[in-house]
Amino acid sequence: MTESTITIIGWLGFVFCTVAYLLLNLRKIRFDGVGYQVLNAIGGLGLVISAIYFRDHPNIAANSVWVLIALFGILSYSKKSRSLRKKRSVTDSQ
């Protein structure tokens, strides 16, 4: 990849994380919803890719943790959703 491509990926990462935070503060999305977590995961990943290319170790660490936290949120949301669907199907079948 070229440096320009990596720079664009980094800027897109910044945009995704910033939009997630903006939408959260505008109450358009919820912190415990999958949308917020996905925006953060994509944004953080873009920032990690950029940081790796430019060998920016503090940002590699910070944004890797950011991505891991977002992935944890996505998994938690997924488990909660599955649990709710199971409860609904049990209730519906009774």
PDB file of N, CA and C in Angstrom:
ATOM      1  N   MET A   1       0.845  -1.190   0.000  1.00  0.00           N
ATOM      2  CA  MET A   1       0.000   0.000   0.000  1.00  0.00           C
ATOM      3  C   MET A   1       0.882   1.243   0.000  1.00  0.00           C
ATOM      4  N   THR A   2       0.359   2.278  -0.565  1.00  0.00           N
ATOM      5  CA  THR A   2       1.124   3.524  -0.603  1.00  0.00           C
ATOM      6  C   THR A   2       0.891   4.324   0.683  1.00  0.00           C
ATOM      7  N   GLU A   3       1.771   5.248   0.915  1.00  0.00           N
ATOM      8  CA  GLU A   3       1.634   6.105   2.095  1.00  0.00           C
ATOM      9  C   GLU A   3       0.327   6.894   2.039  1.00  0.00           C
ATOM     10  N   SER A   4      -0.073   7.316   0.849  1.00  0.00           N
ATOM     11  CA  SER A   4      -1.337   8.054   0.704  1.00  0.00           C
ATOM     12  C   SER A   4      -2.530   7.195   1.108  1.00  0.00           C
ATOM     13  N   THR A   5      -2.510   5.934   0.712  1.00  0.00           N
ATOM     14  CA  THR A   5      -3.603   5.017   1.069  1.00  0.00           C
ATOM     15  C   THR A   5      -3.671   4.834   2.576  1.00  0.00           C
ATOM     16  N   ILE A   6      -2.524   4.635   3.201  1.00  0.00           N
ATOM     17  CA  ILE A   6      -2.475   4.456   4.655  1.00  0.00           C
ATOM     18  C   ILE A   6      -2.962   5.717   5.363  1.00  0.00           C
ATOM     19  N   THR A   7      -2.577   6.868   4.849  1.00  0.00           N
ATOM     20  CA  THR A   7      -3.013   8.136   5.441  1.00  0.00           C
ATOM     21  C   THR A   7      -4.535   8.267   5.348  1.00  0.00           C
ATOM     22  N   ILE A   8      -5.092   7.889   4.225  1.00  0.00           N
ATOM     23  CA  ILE A   8      -6.560   7.930   4.064  1.00  0.00           C
ATOM     24  C   ILE A   8      -7.229   6.980   5.051  1.00  0.00           C
ATOM     25  N   ILE A   9      -6.667   5.780   5.203  1.00  0.00           N
ATOM     26  CA  ILE A   9      -7.218   4.811   6.163  1.00  0.00           C
ATOM     27  C   ILE A   9      -7.179   5.393   7.579  1.00  0.00           C
ATOM     28  N   GLY A  10      -6.081   6.057   7.923  1.00  0.00           N
ATOM     29  CA  GLY A  10      -5.976   6.689   9.241  1.00  0.00           C
ATOM     30  C   GLY A  10      -7.011   7.784   9.434  1.00  0.00           C
ATOM     31  N   TRP A  11      -7.191   8.621   8.418  1.00  0.00           N
ATOM     32  CA  TRP A  11      -8.200   9.688   8.521  1.00  0.00           C
ATOM     33  C   TRP A  11      -9.615   9.114   8.608  1.00  0.00           C
ATOM     34  N   LEU A  12      -9.878   8.049   7.862  1.00  0.00           N
ATOM     35  CA  LEU A  12     -11.197   7.410   7.953  1.00  0.00           C
ATOM     36  C   LEU A  12     -11.415   6.831   9.352  1.00  0.00           C
ATOM     37  N   GLY A  13     -10.357   6.272   9.939  1.00  0.00           N
ATOM     38  CA  GLY A  13     -10.446   5.787  11.317  1.00  0.00           C
ATOM     39  C   GLY A  13     -10.818   6.907  12.268  1.00  0.00           C
ATOM     40  N   PHE A  14     -10.157   8.031  12.104  1.00  0.00           N
ATOM     41  CA  PHE A  14     -10.470   9.213  12.919  1.00  0.00           C
ATOM     42  C   PHE A  14     -11.932   9.625  12.741  1.00  0.00           C
ATOM     43  N   VAL A  15     -12.401   9.641  11.498  1.00  0.00           N
ATOM     44  CA  VAL A  15     -13.777  10.053  11.203  1.00  0.00           C
ATOM     45  C   VAL A  15     -14.771   9.088  11.856  1.00  0.00           C
ATOM     46  N   PHE A  16     -14.536   7.782  11.721  1.00  0.00           N
ATOM     47  CA  PHE A  16     -15.458   6.801  12.297  1.00  0.00           C
ATOM     48  C   PHE A  16     -15.544   6.955  13.820  1.00  0.00           C
ATOM     49  N   CYS A  17     -14.398   7.087  14.490  1.00  0.00           N
ATOM     50  CA  CYS A  17     -14.406   7.233  15.953  1.00  0.00           C
ATOM     51  C   CYS A  17     -15.082   8.534  16.370  1.00  0.00           C
ATOM     52  N   THR A  18     -14.816   9.593  15.635  1.00  0.00           N
ATOM     53  CA  THR A  18     -15.392  10.893  15.973  1.00  0.00           C
ATOM     54  C   THR A  18     -16.900  10.909  15.738  1.00  0.00           C
ATOM     55  N   VAL A  19     -17.335  10.325  14.629  1.00  0.00           N
ATOM     56  CA  VAL A  19     -18.777  10.259  14.342  1.00  0.00           C
ATOM     57  C   VAL A  19     -19.485   9.412  15.405  1.00  0.00           C
ATOM     58  N   ALA A  20     -18.857   8.323  15.820  1.00  0.00           N
ATOM     59  CA  ALA A  20     -19.450   7.493  16.877  1.00  0.00           C
ATOM     60  C   ALA A  20     -19.662   8.310  18.142  1.00  0.00           C
ATOM     61  N   TYR A  21     -18.657   9.055  18.516  1.00  0.00           N
ATOM     62  CA  TYR A  21     -18.745   9.869  19.738  1.00  0.00           C
ATOM     63  C   TYR A  21     -19.766  10.988  19.584  1.00  0.00           C
ATOM     64  N   LEU A  22     -19.798  11.610  18.418  1.00  0.00           N
ATOM     65  CA  LEU A  22     -20.776  12.669  18.157  1.00  0.00           C
ATOM     66  C   LEU A  22     -22.197  12.116  18.230  1.00  0.00           C
ATOM     67  N   LEU A  23     -22.451  11.002  17.544  1.00  0.00           N
ATOM     68  CA  LEU A  23     -23.793  10.412  17.558  1.00  0.00           C
ATOM     69  C   LEU A  23     -24.201   9.985  18.958  1.00  0.00           C
ATOM     70  N   LEU A  24     -23.243   9.520  19.722  1.00  0.00           N
ATOM     71  CA  LEU A  24     -23.520   9.154  21.110  1.00  0.00           C
ATOM     72  C   LEU A  24     -23.970  10.378  21.906  1.00  0.00           C
ATOM     73  N   ASN A  25     -23.247  11.472  21.749  1.00  0.00           N
ATOM     74  CA  ASN A  25     -23.585  12.686  22.495  1.00  0.00           C
ATOM     75  C   ASN A  25     -24.866  13.349  22.002  1.00  0.00           C
ATOM     76  N   LEU A  26     -25.211  13.130  20.742  1.00  0.00           N
ATOM     77  CA  LEU A  26     -26.472  13.635  20.211  1.00  0.00           C
ATOM     78  C   LEU A  26     -27.635  12.694  20.528  1.00  0.00           C
ATOM     79  N   ARG A  27     -27.298  11.591  21.199  1.00  0.00           N
ATOM     80  CA  ARG A  27     -28.275  10.566  21.574  1.00  0.00           C
ATOM     81  C   ARG A  27     -28.979   9.938  20.383  1.00  0.00           C
ATOM     82  N   LYS A  28     -28.226   9.814  19.298  1.00  0.00           N
ATOM     83  CA  LYS A  28     -28.735   9.135  18.100  1.00  0.00           C
ATOM     84  C   LYS A  28     -28.426   7.648  18.159  1.00  0.00           C
ATOM     85  N   ILE A  29     -27.404   7.292  18.926  1.00  0.00           N
ATOM     86  CA  ILE A  29     -27.061   5.899  19.158  1.00  0.00           C
ATOM     87  C   ILE A  29     -26.788   5.733  20.649  1.00  0.00           C
ATOM     88  N   ARG A  30     -26.808   4.471  21.091  1.00  0.00           N
ATOM     89  CA  ARG A  30     -26.588   4.176  22.508  1.00  0.00           C
ATOM     90  C   ARG A  30     -25.199   3.574  22.697  1.00  0.00           C
ATOM     91  N   PHE A  31     -24.617   3.836  23.853  1.00  0.00           N
ATOM     92  CA  PHE A  31     -23.280   3.306  24.131  1.00  0.00           C
ATOM     93  C   PHE A  31     -23.281   1.778  24.198  1.00  0.00           C
ATOM     94  N   ASP A  32     -24.412   1.186  24.565  1.00  0.00           N
ATOM     95  CA  ASP A  32     -24.483  -0.263  24.676  1.00  0.00           C
ATOM     96  C   ASP A  32     -25.070  -0.911  23.425  1.00  0.00           C
ATOM     97  N   GLY A  33     -25.219  -0.132  22.362  1.00  0.00           N
ATOM     98  CA  GLY A  33     -25.721  -0.666  21.101  1.00  0.00           C
ATOM     99  C   GLY A  33     -24.593  -1.092  20.185  1.00  0.00           C
ATOM    100  N   VAL A  34     -24.929  -1.954  19.265  1.00  0.00           N
ATOM    101  CA  VAL A  34     -23.918  -2.488  18.355  1.00  0.00           C
ATOM    102  C   VAL A  34     -23.390  -1.407  17.406  1.00  0.00           C
ATOM    103  N   GLY A  35     -24.200  -0.432  17.041  1.00  0.00           N
ATOM    104  CA  GLY A  35     -23.769   0.615  16.109  1.00  0.00           C
ATOM    105  C   GLY A  35     -22.580   1.398  16.626  1.00  0.00           C
ATOM    106  N   TYR A  36     -22.642   1.816  17.867  1.00  0.00           N
ATOM    107  CA  TYR A  36     -21.547   2.564  18.480  1.00  0.00           C
ATOM    108  C   TYR A  36     -20.274   1.727  18.515  1.00  0.00           C
ATOM    109  N   GLN A  37     -20.410   0.474  18.901  1.00  0.00           N
ATOM    110  CA  GLN A  37     -19.248  -0.400  19.015  1.00  0.00           C
ATOM    111  C   GLN A  37     -18.627  -0.687  17.644  1.00  0.00           C
ATOM    112  N   VAL A  38     -19.463  -0.895  16.637  1.00  0.00           N
ATOM    113  CA  VAL A  38     -18.945  -1.164  15.288  1.00  0.00           C
ATOM    114  C   VAL A  38     -18.203   0.051  14.740  1.00  0.00           C
ATOM    115  N   LEU A  39     -18.793   1.236  14.910  1.00  0.00           N
ATOM    116  CA  LEU A  39     -18.109   2.449  14.454  1.00  0.00           C
ATOM    117  C   LEU A  39     -16.754   2.593  15.140  1.00  0.00           C
ATOM    118  N   ASN A  40     -16.700   2.326  16.434  1.00  0.00           N
ATOM    119  CA  ASN A  40     -15.439   2.412  17.170  1.00  0.00           C
ATOM    120  C   ASN A  40     -14.444   1.344  16.724  1.00  0.00           C
ATOM    121  N   ALA A  41     -14.907   0.137  16.485  1.00  0.00           N
ATOM    122  CA  ALA A  41     -14.003  -0.935  16.049  1.00  0.00           C
ATOM    123  C   ALA A  41     -13.402  -0.612  14.681  1.00  0.00           C
ATOM    124  N   ILE A  42     -14.238  -0.175  13.747  1.00  0.00           N
ATOM    125  CA  ILE A  42     -13.739   0.171  12.416  1.00  0.00           C
ATOM    126  C   ILE A  42     -12.783   1.357  12.500  1.00  0.00           C
ATOM    127  N   GLY A  43     -13.181   2.377  13.241  1.00  0.00           N
ATOM    128  CA  GLY A  43     -12.331   3.551  13.392  1.00  0.00           C
ATOM    129  C   GLY A  43     -11.004   3.222  14.041  1.00  0.00           C
ATOM    130  N   GLY A  44     -11.050   2.463  15.113  1.00  0.00           N
ATOM    131  CA  GLY A  44      -9.823   2.083  15.805  1.00  0.00           C
ATOM    132  C   GLY A  44      -8.907   1.252  14.930  1.00  0.00           C
ATOM    133  N   LEU A  45      -9.502   0.355  14.148  1.00  0.00           N
ATOM    134  CA  LEU A  45      -8.705  -0.471  13.249  1.00  0.00           C
ATOM    135  C   LEU A  45      -7.999   0.390  12.195  1.00  0.00           C
ATOM    136  N   GLY A  46      -8.704   1.374  11.655  1.00  0.00           N
ATOM    137  CA  GLY A  46      -8.072   2.284  10.697  1.00  0.00           C
ATOM    138  C   GLY A  46      -6.909   3.032  11.323  1.00  0.00           C
ATOM    139  N   LEU A  47      -7.081   3.457  12.556  1.00  0.00           N
ATOM    140  CA  LEU A  47      -6.016   4.166  13.255  1.00  0.00           C
ATOM    141  C   LEU A  47      -4.844   3.242  13.589  1.00  0.00           C
ATOM    142  N   VAL A  48      -5.131   1.985  13.900  1.00  0.00           N
ATOM    143  CA  VAL A  48      -4.065   1.013  14.162  1.00  0.00           C
ATOM    144  C   VAL A  48      -3.245   0.770  12.895  1.00  0.00           C
ATOM    145  N   ILE A  49      -3.928   0.575  11.777  1.00  0.00           N
ATOM    146  CA  ILE A  49      -3.228   0.345  10.507  1.00  0.00           C
ATOM    147  C   ILE A  49      -2.294   1.510  10.199  1.00  0.00           C
ATOM    148  N   SER A  50      -2.803   2.716  10.358  1.00  0.00           N
ATOM    149  CA  SER A  50      -1.997   3.903  10.115  1.00  0.00           C
ATOM    150  C   SER A  50      -0.809   3.967  11.082  1.00  0.00           C
ATOM    151  N   ALA A  51      -1.060   3.699  12.347  1.00  0.00           N
ATOM    152  CA  ALA A  51       0.001   3.765  13.359  1.00  0.00           C
ATOM    153  C   ALA A  51       1.076   2.707  13.106  1.00  0.00           C
ATOM    154  N   ILE A  52       0.674   1.525  12.687  1.00  0.00           N
ATOM    155  CA  ILE A  52       1.651   0.468  12.379  1.00  0.00           C
ATOM    156  C   ILE A  52       2.542   0.914  11.222  1.00  0.00           C
ATOM    157  N   TYR A  53       1.930   1.421  10.176  1.00  0.00           N
ATOM    158  CA  TYR A  53       2.693   1.850   9.002  1.00  0.00           C
ATOM    159  C   TYR A  53       3.717   2.922   9.368  1.00  0.00           C
ATOM    160  N   PHE A  54       3.295   3.889  10.191  1.00  0.00           N
ATOM    161  CA  PHE A  54       4.174   4.990  10.550  1.00  0.00           C
ATOM    162  C   PHE A  54       5.002   4.703  11.817  1.00  0.00           C
ATOM    163  N   ARG A  55       4.902   3.474  12.325  1.00  0.00           N
ATOM    164  CA  ARG A  55       5.648   3.030  13.504  1.00  0.00           C
ATOM    165  C   ARG A  55       5.427   3.945  14.711  1.00  0.00           C
ATOM    166  N   ASP A  56       4.171   4.266  14.928  1.00  0.00           N
ATOM    167  CA  ASP A  56       3.783   5.128  16.053  1.00  0.00           C
ATOM    168  C   ASP A  56       3.304   4.230  17.195  1.00  0.00           C
ATOM    169  N   HIS A  57       4.250   3.730  17.975  1.00  0.00           N
ATOM    170  CA  HIS A  57       3.963   2.710  18.987  1.00  0.00           C
ATOM    171  C   HIS A  57       2.933   3.106  20.036  1.00  0.00           C
ATOM    172  N   PRO A  58       2.970   4.323  20.584  1.00  0.00           N
ATOM    173  CA  PRO A  58       1.925   4.678  21.548  1.00  0.00           C
ATOM    174  C   PRO A  58       0.514   4.607  20.942  1.00  0.00           C
ATOM    175  N   ASN A  59       0.368   5.034  19.695  1.00  0.00           N
ATOM    176  CA  ASN A  59      -0.945   4.971  19.058  1.00  0.00           C
ATOM    177  C   ASN A  59      -1.330   3.551  18.664  1.00  0.00           C
ATOM    178  N   ILE A  60      -0.349   2.731  18.354  1.00  0.00           N
ATOM    179  CA  ILE A  60      -0.652   1.313  18.107  1.00  0.00           C
ATOM    180  C   ILE A  60      -1.271   0.725  19.372  1.00  0.00           C
ATOM    181  N   ALA A  61      -0.634   0.965  20.507  1.00  0.00           N
ATOM    182  CA  ALA A  61      -1.128   0.422  21.778  1.00  0.00           C
ATOM    183  C   ALA A  61      -2.506   0.985  22.120  1.00  0.00           C
ATOM    184  N   ALA A  62      -2.650   2.308  22.079  1.00  0.00           N
ATOM    185  CA  ALA A  62      -3.913   2.946  22.476  1.00  0.00           C
ATOM    186  C   ALA A  62      -5.063   2.491  21.590  1.00  0.00           C
ATOM    187  N   ASN A  63      -4.848   2.487  20.293  1.00  0.00           N
ATOM    188  CA  ASN A  63      -5.946   2.138  19.386  1.00  0.00           C
ATOM    189  C   ASN A  63      -6.207   0.644  19.335  1.00  0.00           C
ATOM    190  N   SER A  64      -5.201  -0.170  19.598  1.00  0.00           N
ATOM    191  CA  SER A  64      -5.445  -1.614  19.703  1.00  0.00           C
ATOM    192  C   SER A  64      -6.353  -1.908  20.889  1.00  0.00           C
ATOM    193  N   VAL A  65      -6.096  -1.254  22.001  1.00  0.00           N
ATOM    194  CA  VAL A  65      -6.962  -1.417  23.174  1.00  0.00           C
ATOM    195  C   VAL A  65      -8.366  -0.918  22.847  1.00  0.00           C
ATOM    196  N   TRP A  66      -8.465   0.198  22.133  1.00  0.00           N
ATOM    197  CA  TRP A  66      -9.760   0.756  21.728  1.00  0.00           C
ATOM    198  C   TRP A  66     -10.549  -0.265  20.909  1.00  0.00           C
ATOM    199  N   VAL A  67      -9.874  -0.913  19.961  1.00  0.00           N
ATOM    200  CA  VAL A  67     -10.527  -1.931  19.120  1.00  0.00           C
ATOM    201  C   VAL A  67     -10.957  -3.112  19.984  1.00  0.00           C
ATOM    202  N   LEU A  68     -10.107  -3.565  20.885  1.00  0.00           N
ATOM    203  CA  LEU A  68     -10.460  -4.696  21.747  1.00  0.00           C
ATOM    204  C   LEU A  68     -11.670  -4.383  22.615  1.00  0.00           C
ATOM    205  N   ILE A  69     -11.726  -3.177  23.145  1.00  0.00           N
ATOM    206  CA  ILE A  69     -12.885  -2.780  23.958  1.00  0.00           C
ATOM    207  C   ILE A  69     -14.150  -2.776  23.097  1.00  0.00           C
ATOM    208  N   ALA A  70     -14.048  -2.262  21.878  1.00  0.00           N
ATOM    209  CA  ALA A  70     -15.209  -2.243  20.976  1.00  0.00           C
ATOM    210  C   ALA A  70     -15.642  -3.664  20.623  1.00  0.00           C
ATOM    211  N   LEU A  71     -14.687  -4.553  20.361  1.00  0.00           N
ATOM    212  CA  LEU A  71     -15.032  -5.944  20.056  1.00  0.00           C
ATOM    213  C   LEU A  71     -15.689  -6.618  21.258  1.00  0.00           C
ATOM    214  N   PHE A  72     -15.205  -6.324  22.456  1.00  0.00           N
ATOM    215  CA  PHE A  72     -15.843  -6.827  23.669  1.00  0.00           C
ATOM    216  C   PHE A  72     -17.297  -6.339  23.740  1.00  0.00           C
ATOM    217  N   GLY A  73     -17.523  -5.061  23.417  1.00  0.00           N
ATOM    218  CA  GLY A  73     -18.882  -4.512  23.412  1.00  0.00           C
ATOM    219  C   GLY A  73     -19.775  -5.199  22.399  1.00  0.00           C
ATOM    220  N   ILE A  74     -19.224  -5.476  21.219  1.00  0.00           N
ATOM    221  CA  ILE A  74     -20.002  -6.168  20.172  1.00  0.00           C
ATOM    222  C   ILE A  74     -20.367  -7.572  20.646  1.00  0.00           C
ATOM    223  N   LEU A  75     -19.405  -8.287  21.225  1.00  0.00           N
ATOM    224  CA  LEU A  75     -19.683  -9.635  21.732  1.00  0.00           C
ATOM    225  C   LEU A  75     -20.716  -9.609  22.853  1.00  0.00           C
ATOM    226  N   SER A  76     -20.603  -8.649  23.745  1.00  0.00           N
ATOM    227  CA  SER A  76     -21.582  -8.523  24.839  1.00  0.00           C
ATOM    228  C   SER A  76     -22.971  -8.254  24.289  1.00  0.00           C
ATOM    229  N   TYR A  77     -23.064  -7.354  23.322  1.00  0.00           N
ATOM    230  CA  TYR A  77     -24.350  -7.042  22.701  1.00  0.00           C
ATOM    231  C   TYR A  77     -24.912  -8.281  22.015  1.00  0.00           C
ATOM    232  N   SER A  78     -24.047  -9.016  21.328  1.00  0.00           N
ATOM    233  CA  SER A  78     -24.474 -10.219  20.627  1.00  0.00           C
ATOM    234  C   SER A  78     -25.021 -11.262  21.600  1.00  0.00           C
ATOM    235  N   LYS A  79     -24.319 -11.470  22.713  1.00  0.00           N
ATOM    236  CA  LYS A  79     -24.786 -12.433  23.722  1.00  0.00           C
ATOM    237  C   LYS A  79     -26.117 -12.002  24.321  1.00  0.00           C
ATOM    238  N   LYS A  80     -26.242 -10.705  24.594  1.00  0.00           N
ATOM    239  CA  LYS A  80     -27.479 -10.186  25.172  1.00  0.00           C
ATOM    240  C   LYS A  80     -28.632 -10.367  24.179  1.00  0.00           C
ATOM    241  N   SER A  81     -28.368 -10.113  22.905  1.00  0.00           N
ATOM    242  CA  SER A  81     -29.398 -10.267  21.873  1.00  0.00           C
ATOM    243  C   SER A  81     -29.852 -11.713  21.758  1.00  0.00           C
ATOM    244  N   ARG A  82     -28.887 -12.633  21.756  1.00  0.00           N
ATOM    245  CA  ARG A  82     -29.230 -14.057  21.664  1.00  0.00           C
ATOM    246  C   ARG A  82     -30.059 -14.497  22.856  1.00  0.00           C
ATOM    247  N   SER A  83     -29.686 -14.021  24.027  1.00  0.00           N
ATOM    248  CA  SER A  83     -30.410 -14.368  25.246  1.00  0.00           C
ATOM    249  C   SER A  83     -31.852 -13.856  25.180  1.00  0.00           C
ATOM    250  N   LEU A  84     -32.028 -12.626  24.709  1.00  0.00           N
ATOM    251  CA  LEU A  84     -33.383 -12.072  24.587  1.00  0.00           C
ATOM    252  C   LEU A  84     -34.214 -12.841  23.570  1.00  0.00           C
ATOM    253  N   ARG A  85     -33.589 -13.234  22.453  1.00  0.00           N
ATOM    254  CA  ARG A  85     -34.319 -14.007  21.436  1.00  0.00           C
ATOM    255  C   ARG A  85     -34.754 -15.354  21.990  1.00  0.00           C
ATOM    256  N   LYS A  86     -33.876 -16.003  22.763  1.00  0.00           N
ATOM    257  CA  LYS A  86     -34.234 -17.295  23.362  1.00  0.00           C
ATOM    258  C   LYS A  86     -35.404 -17.136  24.323  1.00  0.00           C
ATOM    259  N   LYS A  87     -35.354 -16.087  25.151  1.00  0.00           N
ATOM    260  CA  LYS A  87     -36.452 -15.854  26.098  1.00  0.00           C
ATOM    261  C   LYS A  87     -37.753 -15.602  25.364  1.00  0.00           C
ATOM    262  N   ARG A  88     -37.702 -14.840  24.282  1.00  0.00           N
ATOM    263  CA  ARG A  88     -38.911 -14.561  23.500  1.00  0.00           C
ATOM    264  C   ARG A  88     -39.464 -15.811  22.860  1.00  0.00           C
ATOM    265  N   SER A  89     -38.591 -16.652  22.327  1.00  0.00           N
ATOM    266  CA  SER A  89     -39.074 -17.876  21.671  1.00  0.00           C
ATOM    267  C   SER A  89     -39.669 -18.836  22.673  1.00  0.00           C
ATOM    268  N   VAL A  90     -39.128 -18.886  23.892  1.00  0.00           N
ATOM    269  CA  VAL A  90     -39.696 -19.731  24.939  1.00  0.00           C
ATOM    270  C   VAL A  90     -41.065 -19.190  25.330  1.00  0.00           C
ATOM    271  N   THR A  91     -41.175 -17.867  25.494  1.00  0.00           N
ATOM    272  CA  THR A  91     -42.438 -17.244  25.864  1.00  0.00           C
ATOM    273  C   THR A  91     -43.484 -17.438  24.768  1.00  0.00           C
ATOM    274  N   ASP A  92     -43.060 -17.296  23.494  1.00  0.00           N
ATOM    275  CA  ASP A  92     -43.970 -17.445  22.368  1.00  0.00           C
ATOM    276  C   ASP A  92     -44.480 -18.881  22.218  1.00  0.00           C
ATOM    277  N   SER A  93     -43.672 -19.848  22.590  1.00  0.00           N
ATOM    278  CA  SER A  93     -44.067 -21.241  22.405  1.00  0.00           C
ATOM    279  C   SER A  93     -44.945 -21.754  23.539  1.00  0.00           C
ATOM    280  N   GLN A  94     -45.101 -20.978  24.587  1.00  0.00           N
ATOM    281  CA  GLN A  94     -45.909 -21.433  25.724  1.00  0.00           C
ATOM    282  C   GLN A  94     -47.352 -21.065  25.562  1.00  0.00           C
TER     283      GLN A  94
END
